N, C-alpha and C. Protein backbone atom coordinates (compact mmCIF):
# COMPACT_ATOMS: atom_id res chain seq x y z
N MET A 1 -0.03 75.02 -34.70
CA MET A 1 0.46 76.22 -34.09
C MET A 1 1.06 75.94 -32.78
N ALA A 2 1.88 76.86 -32.33
CA ALA A 2 2.58 76.67 -31.05
C ALA A 2 1.69 76.95 -29.87
N THR A 3 2.10 76.43 -28.81
CA THR A 3 1.39 76.74 -27.54
C THR A 3 2.38 77.40 -26.61
N THR A 4 1.82 78.20 -25.71
CA THR A 4 2.75 78.94 -24.80
C THR A 4 3.40 78.13 -23.81
N ASP A 5 2.99 76.82 -23.64
CA ASP A 5 3.69 75.98 -22.67
C ASP A 5 5.03 75.51 -23.15
N GLN A 6 5.40 75.86 -24.40
CA GLN A 6 6.74 75.56 -24.86
C GLN A 6 7.83 76.43 -24.25
N HIS A 7 7.41 77.46 -23.58
CA HIS A 7 8.35 78.36 -22.82
C HIS A 7 9.39 78.99 -23.75
N LYS A 8 9.01 79.26 -24.93
CA LYS A 8 9.89 79.93 -25.88
C LYS A 8 9.35 81.33 -26.14
N HIS A 9 9.44 82.16 -25.14
CA HIS A 9 8.80 83.50 -25.19
C HIS A 9 9.70 84.45 -25.93
N LEU A 10 9.07 85.38 -26.62
CA LEU A 10 9.76 86.42 -27.32
C LEU A 10 9.71 87.74 -26.52
N PRO A 11 10.50 88.72 -26.82
CA PRO A 11 10.40 89.98 -26.16
C PRO A 11 8.92 90.56 -26.31
N ALA A 12 8.46 91.27 -25.35
CA ALA A 12 7.10 91.83 -25.34
C ALA A 12 6.80 92.54 -26.64
N GLU A 13 7.75 93.23 -27.20
CA GLU A 13 7.52 93.96 -28.45
C GLU A 13 7.18 93.05 -29.63
N PHE A 14 7.45 91.74 -29.49
CA PHE A 14 7.24 90.82 -30.59
C PHE A 14 6.28 89.68 -30.18
N ALA A 15 5.54 89.98 -29.11
CA ALA A 15 4.60 88.96 -28.54
C ALA A 15 3.58 88.45 -29.61
N ASP A 16 3.31 89.26 -30.58
CA ASP A 16 2.37 88.87 -31.63
C ASP A 16 2.94 87.71 -32.51
N LEU A 17 4.18 87.51 -32.39
CA LEU A 17 4.86 86.46 -33.16
C LEU A 17 4.95 85.11 -32.39
N GLU A 18 4.46 85.13 -31.13
CA GLU A 18 4.60 83.92 -30.31
C GLU A 18 3.83 82.74 -30.89
N ARG A 19 2.80 82.98 -31.73
CA ARG A 19 2.15 81.87 -32.34
C ARG A 19 3.05 81.01 -33.20
N PHE A 20 4.26 81.49 -33.51
CA PHE A 20 5.23 80.74 -34.26
C PHE A 20 6.27 80.15 -33.38
N ALA A 21 5.98 79.96 -32.08
CA ALA A 21 6.99 79.40 -31.17
C ALA A 21 7.54 78.02 -31.60
N ASP A 22 6.76 77.28 -32.37
CA ASP A 22 7.27 75.97 -32.82
C ASP A 22 8.35 76.15 -33.95
N TRP A 23 8.54 77.37 -34.38
CA TRP A 23 9.59 77.66 -35.37
C TRP A 23 10.83 78.22 -34.66
N ILE A 24 10.80 78.34 -33.37
CA ILE A 24 11.95 78.83 -32.60
C ILE A 24 12.82 77.62 -32.33
N LEU A 25 13.77 77.41 -33.22
CA LEU A 25 14.60 76.17 -33.21
C LEU A 25 16.06 76.55 -33.19
N ALA A 26 16.83 75.97 -32.34
CA ALA A 26 18.21 76.36 -32.09
C ALA A 26 19.25 75.98 -33.15
N THR A 27 18.89 74.89 -33.91
CA THR A 27 19.92 74.41 -34.83
C THR A 27 19.38 74.38 -36.28
N GLU A 28 20.28 74.43 -37.27
CA GLU A 28 19.90 74.36 -38.61
C GLU A 28 19.24 73.01 -38.99
N PRO A 29 19.74 71.88 -38.51
CA PRO A 29 19.01 70.64 -38.80
C PRO A 29 17.58 70.62 -38.29
N GLU A 30 17.37 71.22 -37.08
CA GLU A 30 16.00 71.27 -36.59
C GLU A 30 15.10 72.20 -37.48
N ARG A 31 15.65 73.28 -37.92
CA ARG A 31 14.90 74.19 -38.80
C ARG A 31 14.61 73.49 -40.16
N TYR A 32 15.59 72.83 -40.66
CA TYR A 32 15.39 72.14 -41.94
C TYR A 32 14.31 71.04 -41.82
N ALA A 33 14.36 70.28 -40.74
CA ALA A 33 13.34 69.24 -40.50
C ALA A 33 11.98 69.88 -40.39
N LYS A 34 11.90 70.99 -39.73
CA LYS A 34 10.63 71.72 -39.53
C LYS A 34 10.10 72.16 -40.94
N ARG A 35 11.00 72.69 -41.75
CA ARG A 35 10.62 73.09 -43.10
C ARG A 35 10.06 71.90 -43.89
N LEU A 36 10.77 70.77 -43.78
CA LEU A 36 10.31 69.64 -44.60
C LEU A 36 8.98 69.10 -44.09
N ALA A 37 8.63 69.29 -42.79
CA ALA A 37 7.45 68.81 -42.21
C ALA A 37 6.28 69.79 -42.35
N SER A 38 6.51 70.96 -42.94
CA SER A 38 5.52 72.00 -43.05
C SER A 38 4.94 72.11 -44.41
N THR A 39 3.73 72.55 -44.44
CA THR A 39 3.06 72.84 -45.74
C THR A 39 3.47 74.22 -46.32
N MET A 40 3.24 74.44 -47.56
CA MET A 40 3.50 75.73 -48.15
C MET A 40 2.66 76.80 -47.43
N GLU A 41 1.43 76.45 -47.09
CA GLU A 41 0.56 77.44 -46.40
C GLU A 41 1.18 77.82 -45.04
N GLU A 42 1.70 76.82 -44.29
CA GLU A 42 2.30 77.14 -43.01
C GLU A 42 3.54 78.00 -43.20
N MET A 43 4.38 77.69 -44.15
CA MET A 43 5.65 78.50 -44.43
C MET A 43 5.21 79.85 -44.95
N GLN A 44 4.20 79.96 -45.75
CA GLN A 44 3.74 81.26 -46.23
C GLN A 44 3.24 82.16 -45.10
N ASP A 45 2.56 81.52 -44.15
CA ASP A 45 2.14 82.31 -42.97
C ASP A 45 3.28 82.86 -42.16
N VAL A 46 4.33 82.01 -41.93
CA VAL A 46 5.53 82.46 -41.21
C VAL A 46 6.14 83.60 -42.01
N TYR A 47 6.33 83.39 -43.28
CA TYR A 47 6.98 84.41 -44.17
C TYR A 47 6.24 85.72 -44.18
N ASP A 48 4.88 85.63 -44.42
CA ASP A 48 4.09 86.86 -44.53
C ASP A 48 3.99 87.61 -43.19
N THR A 49 4.12 86.97 -42.13
CA THR A 49 3.92 87.56 -40.80
C THR A 49 5.29 88.09 -40.25
N VAL A 50 6.32 87.29 -40.39
CA VAL A 50 7.61 87.62 -39.81
C VAL A 50 8.44 88.51 -40.69
N MET A 51 8.41 88.35 -42.00
CA MET A 51 9.26 89.15 -42.88
C MET A 51 9.05 90.66 -42.76
N PRO A 52 7.85 91.15 -42.57
CA PRO A 52 7.68 92.59 -42.39
C PRO A 52 8.33 93.07 -41.13
N ARG A 53 8.58 92.18 -40.17
CA ARG A 53 9.13 92.58 -38.89
C ARG A 53 10.65 92.34 -38.78
N LEU A 54 11.22 91.81 -39.86
CA LEU A 54 12.64 91.41 -39.86
C LEU A 54 13.57 92.55 -39.42
N GLN A 55 13.45 93.66 -40.10
CA GLN A 55 14.43 94.78 -39.76
C GLN A 55 14.13 95.34 -38.33
N ALA A 56 12.92 95.41 -37.95
CA ALA A 56 12.56 95.85 -36.58
C ALA A 56 13.19 94.87 -35.59
N ALA A 57 13.08 93.58 -35.83
CA ALA A 57 13.62 92.54 -34.90
C ALA A 57 15.16 92.67 -34.83
N LEU A 58 15.78 92.83 -35.95
CA LEU A 58 17.25 92.98 -35.92
C LEU A 58 17.68 94.25 -35.21
N ASP A 59 17.01 95.33 -35.47
CA ASP A 59 17.25 96.57 -34.80
C ASP A 59 17.02 96.44 -33.24
N PHE A 60 15.98 95.79 -32.94
CA PHE A 60 15.65 95.57 -31.52
C PHE A 60 16.82 94.77 -30.83
N ILE A 61 17.17 93.67 -31.43
CA ILE A 61 18.28 92.87 -30.82
C ILE A 61 19.51 93.72 -30.77
N ASP A 62 19.86 94.42 -31.81
CA ASP A 62 21.03 95.30 -31.82
C ASP A 62 21.07 96.28 -30.68
N SER A 63 19.88 96.95 -30.48
CA SER A 63 19.82 98.05 -29.53
C SER A 63 19.64 97.55 -28.04
N LYS A 64 19.13 96.37 -27.85
CA LYS A 64 18.82 95.89 -26.50
C LYS A 64 19.84 94.93 -25.91
N TYR A 65 20.51 94.18 -26.76
CA TYR A 65 21.31 93.07 -26.27
C TYR A 65 22.74 93.08 -26.87
N ASP A 66 23.61 92.34 -26.16
CA ASP A 66 24.93 92.01 -26.70
C ASP A 66 24.76 90.74 -27.47
N TRP A 67 25.12 90.77 -28.72
CA TRP A 67 24.94 89.56 -29.57
C TRP A 67 25.67 88.36 -29.02
N ASN A 68 26.76 88.57 -28.27
CA ASN A 68 27.57 87.44 -27.73
C ASN A 68 26.98 86.87 -26.44
N ASP A 69 25.96 87.55 -25.93
CA ASP A 69 25.35 87.10 -24.66
C ASP A 69 23.88 87.37 -24.66
N LEU A 70 23.16 86.79 -25.64
CA LEU A 70 21.71 87.05 -25.73
C LEU A 70 20.94 86.32 -24.63
N PRO A 71 20.05 87.04 -23.99
CA PRO A 71 19.13 86.31 -23.07
C PRO A 71 18.18 85.50 -23.80
N ASP A 72 17.45 84.61 -23.15
CA ASP A 72 16.57 83.69 -23.84
C ASP A 72 15.65 84.35 -24.81
N GLU A 73 14.94 85.41 -24.40
CA GLU A 73 13.99 86.07 -25.32
C GLU A 73 14.66 86.60 -26.51
N GLY A 74 15.83 87.19 -26.42
CA GLY A 74 16.53 87.66 -27.64
C GLY A 74 17.00 86.54 -28.51
N ARG A 75 17.48 85.46 -27.90
CA ARG A 75 17.89 84.30 -28.65
C ARG A 75 16.72 83.67 -29.35
N HIS A 76 15.59 83.57 -28.69
CA HIS A 76 14.39 83.06 -29.31
C HIS A 76 13.95 83.89 -30.53
N LEU A 77 14.04 85.16 -30.41
CA LEU A 77 13.68 86.07 -31.55
C LEU A 77 14.60 85.79 -32.68
N PHE A 78 15.92 85.70 -32.41
CA PHE A 78 16.89 85.43 -33.46
C PHE A 78 16.70 84.02 -34.11
N HIS A 79 16.39 83.06 -33.33
CA HIS A 79 16.10 81.72 -33.88
C HIS A 79 14.86 81.73 -34.81
N LEU A 80 13.83 82.57 -34.48
CA LEU A 80 12.68 82.73 -35.33
C LEU A 80 13.08 83.37 -36.62
N LEU A 81 14.00 84.34 -36.55
CA LEU A 81 14.49 84.99 -37.79
C LEU A 81 15.27 83.97 -38.66
N GLN A 82 16.02 83.11 -38.02
CA GLN A 82 16.70 82.06 -38.71
C GLN A 82 15.74 81.12 -39.45
N SER A 83 14.65 80.80 -38.80
CA SER A 83 13.58 80.02 -39.46
C SER A 83 13.00 80.75 -40.61
N LEU A 84 12.84 82.06 -40.50
CA LEU A 84 12.36 82.84 -41.62
C LEU A 84 13.26 82.64 -42.82
N VAL A 85 14.57 82.72 -42.62
CA VAL A 85 15.51 82.45 -43.74
C VAL A 85 15.23 81.07 -44.28
N MET A 86 15.05 80.08 -43.52
CA MET A 86 14.86 78.73 -43.95
C MET A 86 13.60 78.58 -44.82
N VAL A 87 12.55 79.32 -44.50
CA VAL A 87 11.28 79.23 -45.29
C VAL A 87 11.36 80.19 -46.51
N SER A 88 12.27 81.13 -46.51
CA SER A 88 12.31 82.13 -47.60
C SER A 88 12.61 81.46 -48.97
N PHE A 89 13.43 80.45 -48.99
CA PHE A 89 13.81 79.83 -50.24
C PHE A 89 12.59 79.14 -50.92
N PRO A 90 11.90 78.27 -50.17
CA PRO A 90 10.69 77.67 -50.82
C PRO A 90 9.67 78.67 -51.21
N ILE A 91 9.54 79.77 -50.46
CA ILE A 91 8.50 80.77 -50.70
C ILE A 91 8.91 81.70 -51.86
N GLU A 92 10.12 82.23 -51.78
CA GLU A 92 10.59 83.25 -52.80
C GLU A 92 11.14 82.63 -54.11
N VAL A 93 11.88 81.57 -53.95
CA VAL A 93 12.64 81.02 -55.08
C VAL A 93 11.96 79.84 -55.77
N TRP A 94 11.72 78.81 -54.97
CA TRP A 94 11.29 77.54 -55.51
C TRP A 94 9.79 77.47 -55.79
N LYS A 95 9.02 78.21 -55.03
CA LYS A 95 7.53 78.22 -55.12
C LYS A 95 6.98 76.86 -54.86
N GLN A 96 7.66 76.02 -54.08
CA GLN A 96 7.17 74.72 -53.68
C GLN A 96 7.96 74.30 -52.47
N ALA A 97 7.32 73.35 -51.69
CA ALA A 97 7.89 72.95 -50.42
C ALA A 97 9.20 72.16 -50.51
N ARG A 98 9.24 71.25 -51.49
CA ARG A 98 10.40 70.37 -51.59
C ARG A 98 11.07 70.49 -53.01
N VAL A 99 12.32 70.55 -52.95
CA VAL A 99 13.09 70.65 -54.25
C VAL A 99 14.10 69.49 -54.20
N PRO A 100 14.20 68.74 -55.27
CA PRO A 100 15.18 67.65 -55.26
C PRO A 100 16.62 68.16 -54.95
N ASP A 101 17.25 67.42 -54.06
CA ASP A 101 18.60 67.70 -53.68
C ASP A 101 18.74 68.90 -52.75
N SER A 102 17.71 69.57 -52.35
CA SER A 102 17.88 70.66 -51.43
C SER A 102 18.30 70.09 -50.08
N GLY A 103 19.21 70.72 -49.44
CA GLY A 103 19.68 70.29 -48.13
C GLY A 103 20.63 69.12 -48.24
N ALA A 104 21.24 68.94 -49.39
CA ALA A 104 22.10 67.73 -49.56
C ALA A 104 23.22 67.67 -48.47
N ALA A 105 23.61 68.79 -47.94
CA ALA A 105 24.67 68.76 -46.92
C ALA A 105 24.20 68.10 -45.65
N HIS A 106 22.89 67.90 -45.49
CA HIS A 106 22.34 67.32 -44.30
C HIS A 106 21.89 65.88 -44.51
N LEU A 107 22.28 65.30 -45.57
CA LEU A 107 21.82 63.94 -45.85
C LEU A 107 22.21 62.92 -44.82
N ASP A 108 23.34 63.19 -44.17
CA ASP A 108 23.74 62.21 -43.10
C ASP A 108 22.91 62.47 -41.80
N ILE A 109 22.15 63.59 -41.79
CA ILE A 109 21.37 63.88 -40.58
C ILE A 109 19.88 63.68 -40.83
N ILE A 110 19.47 64.19 -41.98
CA ILE A 110 18.01 64.19 -42.34
C ILE A 110 17.90 63.75 -43.71
N ARG A 111 16.98 62.91 -43.98
CA ARG A 111 16.71 62.44 -45.36
C ARG A 111 15.39 62.99 -45.85
N GLU A 112 15.43 63.78 -47.00
CA GLU A 112 14.25 64.34 -47.48
C GLU A 112 13.40 63.20 -48.07
N PRO A 113 12.12 63.21 -47.77
CA PRO A 113 11.22 62.13 -48.25
C PRO A 113 11.09 62.13 -49.78
N VAL A 114 10.97 60.96 -50.35
CA VAL A 114 10.79 60.82 -51.80
C VAL A 114 9.31 61.14 -52.02
N VAL A 115 9.04 62.08 -52.94
CA VAL A 115 7.72 62.52 -53.22
C VAL A 115 7.29 62.07 -54.58
């Protein structure tokens, strides 16, 4: 789990999601690598906790910020939502952490381990 010393704070309205600070990742390759390094239980926890807050988070960002100029806390919330998308496929569709050939577009960046 994440620690608060990572300085990836969320808006106060979403402080309960701060335990997922290690999922606040700015790039798709980082999120993909995090997915590959995570267990189904860890991904399920992110999914079960963040998914019910998805619409509220999007509405919050929409109402509080300019999407073209998000402050750190708004950007962090959005990056957490992007990680939610990354874990949704293994949780909703594949029902397993690793699927052969998933992420093939990133093979030059990240190599999925042979299982």
